[in-house]
Amino acid sequence: MTSAEEDRLINEAVEMEMRDLNDFDLHTSLVIPKKEVSFPQNLTVKITKTPIIVADPSSIGYMSLAIVTLMLSFSSFGATSKFTMLQAPWVISLSGLIMVLSGIVETFRRKIFGSIVFLMYGFFWLAYGSVFLLEYFGLEEDLKLGSQHVGVAIFGYTIFNLSVILASLSINFISFVIFVFMELLLLLLCFEHLESTSSIPTGFFYLIISFLSFYYSFALVINSLAGGQLIPLGNPIFNWNKLIVKNQD
């Protein structure tokens, strides 16, 4: 069969299909049956949300606290220069910003204790580190005149830290001890600024907080990898849920 004959047969087939389509009445011949779909009355639709897993930032927050307090303890003991401009970036960025970021992450994790503690102390170190900048800008006189204002602000943190101590009773023993020494340190810093003196030995408390924070941060990392409490942190001293149960009874 030649190609011309093949083309002729194809054209004839196409013409026949077109005639069949012309003879087809779409409005009268096409019938779409209606079908009712019924759903059971007790049908429930469950929408599940996949939780976003966020790592615990506590070890980072306590590590930043450990490094900054270690640096300030050496300053207080006189082993390094006394509160200089070079300390401000470490206090502001390492302790301040990292604690604020840790507090934001704890907020997303719905951990109210970690959220409040990291955010409040993050802003504390941001403000306290900014005080060091006054010397760099030649504002020593303003720093001396405004020292009492800093003391009053720190006194406010001593009140706040009391609530943190009470809350830490239900966390573990190490966190409780850290915030007890933090309370003592804040009281000394408050008195130092209110009396405008720098002879108060705060280095001892800086150093204890630093060592405890190093231990706490290290323990959180190792225990997380081990899947249990391999490095002891101590049991909670008091469970506040007991008071709720007694009140309900």
C-alpha atoms as a PDB file:
ATOM      1  CA  MET A   1       0.000   0.000   0.000  1.00  0.00           C
ATOM      2  CA  THR A   2       1.382   3.341  -1.017  1.00  0.00           C
ATOM      3  CA  SER A   3       1.555   6.388   1.202  1.00  0.00           C
ATOM      4  CA  ALA A   4      -1.114   8.123  -0.840  1.00  0.00           C
ATOM      5  CA  GLU A   5      -3.570   5.290  -0.206  1.00  0.00           C
ATOM      6  CA  GLU A   6      -2.772   5.393   3.531  1.00  0.00           C
ATOM      7  CA  ASP A   7      -3.510   9.131   3.635  1.00  0.00           C
ATOM      8  CA  ARG A   8      -6.792   8.581   1.809  1.00  0.00           C
ATOM      9  CA  LEU A   9      -7.935   5.896   4.262  1.00  0.00           C
ATOM     10  CA  ILE A  10      -7.036   8.082   7.242  1.00  0.00           C
ATOM     11  CA  ASN A  11      -9.002  11.016   5.821  1.00  0.00           C
ATOM     12  CA  GLU A  12     -12.065   8.800   5.226  1.00  0.00           C
ATOM     13  CA  ALA A  13     -11.913   7.536   8.828  1.00  0.00           C
ATOM     14  CA  VAL A  14     -11.725  11.066  10.162  1.00  0.00           C
ATOM     15  CA  GLU A  15     -14.715  12.154   8.061  1.00  0.00           C
ATOM     16  CA  MET A  16     -16.785   9.237   9.365  1.00  0.00           C
ATOM     17  CA  GLU A  17     -15.976  10.163  12.972  1.00  0.00           C
ATOM     18  CA  MET A  18     -16.981  13.769  12.331  1.00  0.00           C
ATOM     19  CA  ARG A  19     -20.336  12.686  10.866  1.00  0.00           C
ATOM     20  CA  ASP A  20     -21.030  10.534  13.908  1.00  0.00           C
ATOM     21  CA  LEU A  21     -20.310  13.478  16.200  1.00  0.00           C
ATOM     22  CA  ASN A  22     -22.610  15.767  14.216  1.00  0.00           C
ATOM     23  CA  ASP A  23     -25.450  13.239  14.490  1.00  0.00           C
ATOM     24  CA  PHE A  24     -24.957  13.076  18.319  1.00  0.00           C
ATOM     25  CA  ASP A  25     -27.285  15.376  20.268  1.00  0.00           C
ATOM     26  CA  LEU A  26     -25.439  16.401  23.366  1.00  0.00           C
ATOM     27  CA  HIS A  27     -28.498  17.868  25.138  1.00  0.00           C
ATOM     28  CA  THR A  28     -30.786  14.846  24.666  1.00  0.00           C
ATOM     29  CA  SER A  29     -28.453  11.901  24.625  1.00  0.00           C
ATOM     30  CA  LEU A  30     -26.023  12.719  27.418  1.00  0.00           C
ATOM     31  CA  VAL A  31     -27.532  11.818  30.770  1.00  0.00           C
ATOM     32  CA  ILE A  32     -25.500  12.209  33.975  1.00  0.00           C
ATOM     33  CA  PRO A  33     -27.080  10.255  36.814  1.00  0.00           C
ATOM     34  CA  LYS A  34     -27.349  12.014  40.171  1.00  0.00           C
ATOM     35  CA  LYS A  35     -26.084  10.136  43.170  1.00  0.00           C
ATOM     36  CA  GLU A  36     -26.652  11.241  46.743  1.00  0.00           C
ATOM     37  CA  VAL A  37     -23.776  10.717  49.146  1.00  0.00           C
ATOM     38  CA  SER A  38     -24.653  10.384  52.821  1.00  0.00           C
ATOM     39  CA  PHE A  39     -22.204  10.604  55.709  1.00  0.00           C
ATOM     40  CA  PRO A  40     -22.720   8.972  59.097  1.00  0.00           C
ATOM     41  CA  GLN A  41     -23.873  11.310  61.857  1.00  0.00           C
ATOM     42  CA  ASN A  42     -21.077  10.290  64.226  1.00  0.00           C
ATOM     43  CA  LEU A  43     -18.370  11.068  61.679  1.00  0.00           C
ATOM     44  CA  THR A  44     -15.478  12.947  63.300  1.00  0.00           C
ATOM     45  CA  VAL A  45     -12.548  14.524  61.559  1.00  0.00           C
ATOM     46  CA  LYS A  46      -9.271  14.514  63.465  1.00  0.00           C
ATOM     47  CA  ILE A  47      -6.617  17.083  62.590  1.00  0.00           C
ATOM     48  CA  THR A  48      -3.235  16.154  63.956  1.00  0.00           C
ATOM     49  CA  LYS A  49      -0.368  18.608  64.235  1.00  0.00           C
ATOM     50  CA  THR A  50       3.172  17.397  63.948  1.00  0.00           C
ATOM     51  CA  PRO A  51       5.061  18.847  66.922  1.00  0.00           C
ATOM     52  CA  ILE A  52       8.175  20.870  66.203  1.00  0.00           C
ATOM     53  CA  ILE A  53      11.007  19.437  68.270  1.00  0.00           C
ATOM     54  CA  VAL A  54      13.267  22.163  69.648  1.00  0.00           C
ATOM     55  CA  ALA A  55      16.439  21.410  71.576  1.00  0.00           C
ATOM     56  CA  ASP A  56      16.732  22.415  75.221  1.00  0.00           C
ATOM     57  CA  PRO A  57      18.733  25.688  75.345  1.00  0.00           C
ATOM     58  CA  SER A  58      19.419  25.485  79.086  1.00  0.00           C
ATOM     59  CA  SER A  59      22.945  24.118  78.674  1.00  0.00           C
ATOM     60  CA  ILE A  60      23.870  27.052  76.401  1.00  0.00           C
ATOM     61  CA  GLY A  61      22.355  29.599  78.780  1.00  0.00           C
ATOM     62  CA  TYR A  62      24.158  28.235  81.834  1.00  0.00           C
ATOM     63  CA  MET A  63      27.424  27.895  79.906  1.00  0.00           C
ATOM     64  CA  SER A  64      27.284  31.571  78.951  1.00  0.00           C
ATOM     65  CA  LEU A  65      26.638  32.451  82.593  1.00  0.00           C
ATOM     66  CA  ALA A  66      29.592  30.286  83.655  1.00  0.00           C
ATOM     67  CA  ILE A  67      32.063  31.957  81.285  1.00  0.00           C
ATOM     68  CA  VAL A  68      31.014  35.526  82.091  1.00  0.00           C
ATOM     69  CA  THR A  69      31.028  35.031  85.864  1.00  0.00           C
ATOM     70  CA  LEU A  70      34.436  33.361  85.591  1.00  0.00           C
ATOM     71  CA  MET A  71      35.767  36.419  83.772  1.00  0.00           C
ATOM     72  CA  LEU A  72      34.221  38.809  86.313  1.00  0.00           C
ATOM     73  CA  SER A  73      35.586  36.781  89.225  1.00  0.00           C
ATOM     74  CA  PHE A  74      39.163  37.186  87.958  1.00  0.00           C
ATOM     75  CA  SER A  75      38.492  40.919  87.620  1.00  0.00           C
ATOM     76  CA  SER A  76      37.108  41.148  91.119  1.00  0.00           C
ATOM     77  CA  PHE A  77      40.089  39.268  92.594  1.00  0.00           C
ATOM     78  CA  GLY A  78      42.466  41.638  90.815  1.00  0.00           C
ATOM     79  CA  ALA A  79      44.014  38.871  88.718  1.00  0.00           C
ATOM     80  CA  THR A  80      43.005  40.822  85.602  1.00  0.00           C
ATOM     81  CA  SER A  81      42.256  44.492  84.994  1.00  0.00           C
ATOM     82  CA  LYS A  82      39.259  45.906  86.810  1.00  0.00           C
ATOM     83  CA  PHE A  83      36.045  46.130  84.698  1.00  0.00           C
ATOM     84  CA  THR A  84      37.359  47.461  81.408  1.00  0.00           C
ATOM     85  CA  MET A  85      35.881  48.155  78.005  1.00  0.00           C
ATOM     86  CA  LEU A  86      37.070  44.750  76.778  1.00  0.00           C
ATOM     87  CA  GLN A  87      34.725  43.019  79.202  1.00  0.00           C
ATOM     88  CA  ALA A  88      31.597  44.740  77.881  1.00  0.00           C
ATOM     89  CA  PRO A  89      31.312  42.740  74.598  1.00  0.00           C
ATOM     90  CA  TRP A  90      31.590  39.469  76.500  1.00  0.00           C
ATOM     91  CA  VAL A  91      28.985  40.439  79.071  1.00  0.00           C
ATOM     92  CA  ILE A  92      26.605  41.893  76.481  1.00  0.00           C
ATOM     93  CA  SER A  93      26.906  39.279  73.731  1.00  0.00           C
ATOM     94  CA  LEU A  94      27.918  36.074  75.468  1.00  0.00           C
ATOM     95  CA  SER A  95      25.749  36.307  78.550  1.00  0.00           C
ATOM     96  CA  GLY A  96      23.138  38.893  77.584  1.00  0.00           C
ATOM     97  CA  LEU A  97      22.192  37.986  74.017  1.00  0.00           C
ATOM     98  CA  ILE A  98      22.624  34.237  74.440  1.00  0.00           C
ATOM     99  CA  MET A  99      20.399  34.224  77.515  1.00  0.00           C
ATOM    100  CA  VAL A 100      17.740  36.270  75.721  1.00  0.00           C
ATOM    101  CA  LEU A 101      17.801  33.851  72.777  1.00  0.00           C
ATOM    102  CA  SER A 102      17.630  30.914  75.187  1.00  0.00           C
ATOM    103  CA  GLY A 103      14.626  32.508  76.865  1.00  0.00           C
ATOM    104  CA  ILE A 104      12.865  32.936  73.510  1.00  0.00           C
ATOM    105  CA  VAL A 105      13.438  29.274  72.682  1.00  0.00           C
ATOM    106  CA  GLU A 106      12.136  28.263  76.113  1.00  0.00           C
ATOM    107  CA  THR A 107       9.033  30.360  75.427  1.00  0.00           C
ATOM    108  CA  PHE A 108       8.362  28.388  72.235  1.00  0.00           C
ATOM    109  CA  ARG A 109       8.893  25.195  74.230  1.00  0.00           C
ATOM    110  CA  ARG A 110       6.301  26.473  76.761  1.00  0.00           C
ATOM    111  CA  LYS A 111       8.788  26.195  79.625  1.00  0.00           C
ATOM    112  CA  ILE A 112       7.744  29.097  81.826  1.00  0.00           C
ATOM    113  CA  PHE A 113      10.590  28.774  84.351  1.00  0.00           C
ATOM    114  CA  GLY A 114      13.370  28.766  81.761  1.00  0.00           C
ATOM    115  CA  SER A 115      11.628  31.458  79.722  1.00  0.00           C
ATOM    116  CA  ILE A 116      11.332  33.934  82.605  1.00  0.00           C
ATOM    117  CA  VAL A 117      14.761  33.237  84.098  1.00  0.00           C
ATOM    118  CA  PHE A 118      16.735  33.438  80.843  1.00  0.00           C
ATOM    119  CA  LEU A 119      14.891  36.498  79.550  1.00  0.00           C
ATOM    120  CA  MET A 120      15.125  38.451  82.811  1.00  0.00           C
ATOM    121  CA  TYR A 121      18.788  37.648  83.413  1.00  0.00           C
ATOM    122  CA  GLY A 122      19.585  38.125  79.744  1.00  0.00           C
ATOM    123  CA  PHE A 123      18.338  41.711  79.934  1.00  0.00           C
ATOM    124  CA  PHE A 124      20.136  42.126  83.262  1.00  0.00           C
ATOM    125  CA  TRP A 125      23.504  41.291  81.690  1.00  0.00           C
ATOM    126  CA  LEU A 126      22.721  43.472  78.673  1.00  0.00           C
ATOM    127  CA  ALA A 127      22.104  46.429  80.977  1.00  0.00           C
ATOM    128  CA  TYR A 128      24.966  45.633  83.336  1.00  0.00           C
ATOM    129  CA  GLY A 129      27.392  45.231  80.452  1.00  0.00           C
ATOM    130  CA  SER A 130      26.255  48.547  79.036  1.00  0.00           C
ATOM    131  CA  VAL A 131      27.342  50.220  82.279  1.00  0.00           C
ATOM    132  CA  PHE A 132      30.936  49.267  81.407  1.00  0.00           C
ATOM    133  CA  LEU A 133      30.623  51.236  78.180  1.00  0.00           C
ATOM    134  CA  LEU A 134      30.228  54.498  80.078  1.00  0.00           C
ATOM    135  CA  GLU A 135      33.935  54.506  80.925  1.00  0.00           C
ATOM    136  CA  TYR A 136      34.825  54.100  77.254  1.00  0.00           C
ATOM    137  CA  PHE A 137      32.772  57.134  76.280  1.00  0.00           C
ATOM    138  CA  GLY A 138      34.360  59.232  79.005  1.00  0.00           C
ATOM    139  CA  LEU A 139      31.333  59.275  81.289  1.00  0.00           C
ATOM    140  CA  GLU A 140      33.036  58.274  84.531  1.00  0.00           C
ATOM    141  CA  GLU A 141      31.365  61.120  86.415  1.00  0.00           C
ATOM    142  CA  ASP A 142      27.935  60.085  85.183  1.00  0.00           C
ATOM    143  CA  LEU A 143      28.742  56.520  86.208  1.00  0.00           C
ATOM    144  CA  LYS A 144      29.585  57.637  89.738  1.00  0.00           C
ATOM    145  CA  LEU A 145      26.512  59.855  90.011  1.00  0.00           C
ATOM    146  CA  GLY A 146      24.203  57.190  88.584  1.00  0.00           C
ATOM    147  CA  SER A 147      25.691  54.304  90.534  1.00  0.00           C
ATOM    148  CA  GLN A 148      22.866  54.421  93.067  1.00  0.00           C
ATOM    149  CA  HIS A 149      20.295  54.055  90.271  1.00  0.00           C
ATOM    150  CA  VAL A 150      22.086  50.875  89.211  1.00  0.00           C
ATOM    151  CA  GLY A 151      21.980  49.708  92.833  1.00  0.00           C
ATOM    152  CA  VAL A 152      18.213  50.214  93.009  1.00  0.00           C
ATOM    153  CA  ALA A 153      17.730  48.258  89.771  1.00  0.00           C
ATOM    154  CA  ILE A 154      19.880  45.426  91.125  1.00  0.00           C
ATOM    155  CA  PHE A 155      17.839  45.471  94.337  1.00  0.00           C
ATOM    156  CA  GLY A 156      14.777  44.880  92.171  1.00  0.00           C
ATOM    157  CA  TYR A 157      16.511  41.816  90.785  1.00  0.00           C
ATOM    158  CA  THR A 158      17.154  40.529  94.302  1.00  0.00           C
ATOM    159  CA  ILE A 159      13.381  40.551  94.835  1.00  0.00           C
ATOM    160  CA  PHE A 160      12.825  38.819  91.503  1.00  0.00           C
ATOM    161  CA  ASN A 161      15.498  36.233  92.312  1.00  0.00           C
ATOM    162  CA  LEU A 162      13.662  35.278  95.510  1.00  0.00           C
ATOM    163  CA  SER A 163      10.767  34.032  93.395  1.00  0.00           C
ATOM    164  CA  VAL A 164      13.247  32.148  91.210  1.00  0.00           C
ATOM    165  CA  ILE A 165      14.705  30.466  94.304  1.00  0.00           C
ATOM    166  CA  LEU A 166      11.254  29.342  95.397  1.00  0.00           C
ATOM    167  CA  ALA A 167      10.467  28.028  91.922  1.00  0.00           C
ATOM    168  CA  SER A 168      13.820  26.211  91.667  1.00  0.00           C
ATOM    169  CA  LEU A 169      12.886  24.129  94.703  1.00  0.00           C
ATOM    170  CA  SER A 170      10.854  21.949  92.349  1.00  0.00           C
ATOM    171  CA  ILE A 171      13.552  21.758  89.630  1.00  0.00           C
ATOM    172  CA  ASN A 172      16.669  20.195  91.166  1.00  0.00           C
ATOM    173  CA  PHE A 173      19.200  20.827  93.918  1.00  0.00           C
ATOM    174  CA  ILE A 174      21.966  22.308  91.707  1.00  0.00           C
ATOM    175  CA  SER A 175      19.732  24.976  90.177  1.00  0.00           C
ATOM    176  CA  PHE A 176      18.502  25.880  93.660  1.00  0.00           C
ATOM    177  CA  VAL A 177      22.087  26.378  94.909  1.00  0.00           C
ATOM    178  CA  ILE A 178      23.008  28.465  91.834  1.00  0.00           C
ATOM    179  CA  PHE A 179      20.193  30.926  92.462  1.00  0.00           C
ATOM    180  CA  VAL A 180      20.914  31.086  96.204  1.00  0.00           C
ATOM    181  CA  PHE A 181      24.465  32.241  95.434  1.00  0.00           C
ATOM    182  CA  MET A 182      23.058  34.532  92.742  1.00  0.00           C
ATOM    183  CA  GLU A 183      20.921  36.151  95.430  1.00  0.00           C
ATOM    184  CA  LEU A 184      23.983  36.739  97.617  1.00  0.00           C
ATOM    185  CA  LEU A 185      25.901  38.156  94.653  1.00  0.00           C
ATOM    186  CA  LEU A 186      23.073  40.536  93.761  1.00  0.00           C
ATOM    187  CA  LEU A 187      22.879  41.780  97.339  1.00  0.00           C
ATOM    188  CA  LEU A 188      26.616  42.524  97.323  1.00  0.00           C
ATOM    189  CA  LEU A 189      26.405  44.270  93.946  1.00  0.00           C
ATOM    190  CA  CYS A 190      23.436  46.283  95.174  1.00  0.00           C
ATOM    191  CA  PHE A 191      25.327  47.425  98.264  1.00  0.00           C
ATOM    192  CA  GLU A 192      28.426  48.149  96.145  1.00  0.00           C
ATOM    193  CA  HIS A 193      26.539  50.529  93.848  1.00  0.00           C
ATOM    194  CA  LEU A 194      24.445  52.141  96.566  1.00  0.00           C
ATOM    195  CA  GLU A 195      27.560  52.908  98.626  1.00  0.00           C
ATOM    196  CA  SER A 196      29.631  53.707  95.493  1.00  0.00           C
ATOM    197  CA  THR A 197      32.478  51.477  96.636  1.00  0.00           C
ATOM    198  CA  SER A 198      34.420  48.747  94.848  1.00  0.00           C
ATOM    199  CA  SER A 199      36.012  47.105  97.868  1.00  0.00           C
ATOM    200  CA  ILE A 200      33.315  44.454  98.331  1.00  0.00           C
ATOM    201  CA  PRO A 201      34.653  40.931  97.632  1.00  0.00           C
ATOM    202  CA  THR A 202      32.171  39.752  94.985  1.00  0.00           C
ATOM    203  CA  GLY A 203      34.740  37.559  93.208  1.00  0.00           C
ATOM    204  CA  PHE A 204      34.142  34.616  95.552  1.00  0.00           C
ATOM    205  CA  PHE A 205      30.441  34.454  94.621  1.00  0.00           C
ATOM    206  CA  TYR A 206      31.193  34.989  90.930  1.00  0.00           C
ATOM    207  CA  LEU A 207      33.550  32.012  91.076  1.00  0.00           C
ATOM    208  CA  ILE A 208      31.099  29.691  92.851  1.00  0.00           C
ATOM    209  CA  ILE A 209      28.318  30.561  90.399  1.00  0.00           C
ATOM    210  CA  SER A 210      30.735  29.952  87.523  1.00  0.00           C
ATOM    211  CA  PHE A 211      31.776  26.473  88.717  1.00  0.00           C
ATOM    212  CA  LEU A 212      28.191  25.454  89.473  1.00  0.00           C
ATOM    213  CA  SER A 213      27.027  26.702  86.065  1.00  0.00           C
ATOM    214  CA  PHE A 214      29.837  24.820  84.300  1.00  0.00           C
ATOM    215  CA  TYR A 215      28.808  21.652  86.130  1.00  0.00           C
ATOM    216  CA  TYR A 216      25.107  22.194  85.402  1.00  0.00           C
ATOM    217  CA  SER A 217      25.655  22.852  81.707  1.00  0.00           C
ATOM    218  CA  PHE A 218      27.971  19.853  81.343  1.00  0.00           C
ATOM    219  CA  ALA A 219      25.500  17.610  83.189  1.00  0.00           C
ATOM    220  CA  LEU A 220      22.597  18.683  80.954  1.00  0.00           C
ATOM    221  CA  VAL A 221      24.546  17.803  77.800  1.00  0.00           C
ATOM    222  CA  ILE A 222      25.779  14.409  79.052  1.00  0.00           C
ATOM    223  CA  ASN A 223      22.414  13.428  80.534  1.00  0.00           C
ATOM    224  CA  SER A 224      20.695  14.350  77.277  1.00  0.00           C
ATOM    225  CA  LEU A 225      23.054  12.120  75.297  1.00  0.00           C
ATOM    226  CA  ALA A 226      22.767   9.294  77.848  1.00  0.00           C
ATOM    227  CA  GLY A 227      18.973   9.461  77.907  1.00  0.00           C
ATOM    228  CA  GLY A 228      18.906   9.654  81.691  1.00  0.00           C
ATOM    229  CA  GLN A 229      20.479  11.318  84.723  1.00  0.00           C
ATOM    230  CA  LEU A 230      24.012   9.968  84.410  1.00  0.00           C
ATOM    231  CA  ILE A 231      25.530  13.021  86.134  1.00  0.00           C
ATOM    232  CA  PRO A 232      23.544  13.785  89.306  1.00  0.00           C
ATOM    233  CA  LEU A 233      21.781  17.116  89.610  1.00  0.00           C
ATOM    234  CA  GLY A 234      19.979  16.343  92.831  1.00  0.00           C
ATOM    235  CA  ASN A 235      16.323  15.699  93.442  1.00  0.00           C
ATOM    236  CA  PRO A 236      13.773  18.496  93.767  1.00  0.00           C
ATOM    237  CA  ILE A 237      13.678  19.824  97.311  1.00  0.00           C
ATOM    238  CA  PHE A 238       9.961  20.568  97.343  1.00  0.00           C
ATOM    239  CA  ASN A 239       7.128  19.800  94.953  1.00  0.00           C
ATOM    240  CA  TRP A 240       4.639  22.644  94.703  1.00  0.00           C
ATOM    241  CA  ASN A 241       1.984  20.269  93.355  1.00  0.00           C
ATOM    242  CA  LYS A 242       1.530  18.936  96.874  1.00  0.00           C
ATOM    243  CA  LEU A 243      -0.008  22.232  97.939  1.00  0.00           C
ATOM    244  CA  ILE A 244      -2.522  22.066  95.091  1.00  0.00           C
ATOM    245  CA  VAL A 245      -3.549  18.531  96.047  1.00  0.00           C
ATOM    246  CA  LYS A 246      -4.014  19.557  99.688  1.00  0.00           C
ATOM    247  CA  ASN A 247      -6.126  22.564  98.708  1.00  0.00           C
ATOM    248  CA  GLN A 248      -8.330  20.378  96.510  1.00  0.00           C
ATOM    249  CA  ASP A 249      -8.846  17.939  99.365  1.00  0.00           C
END
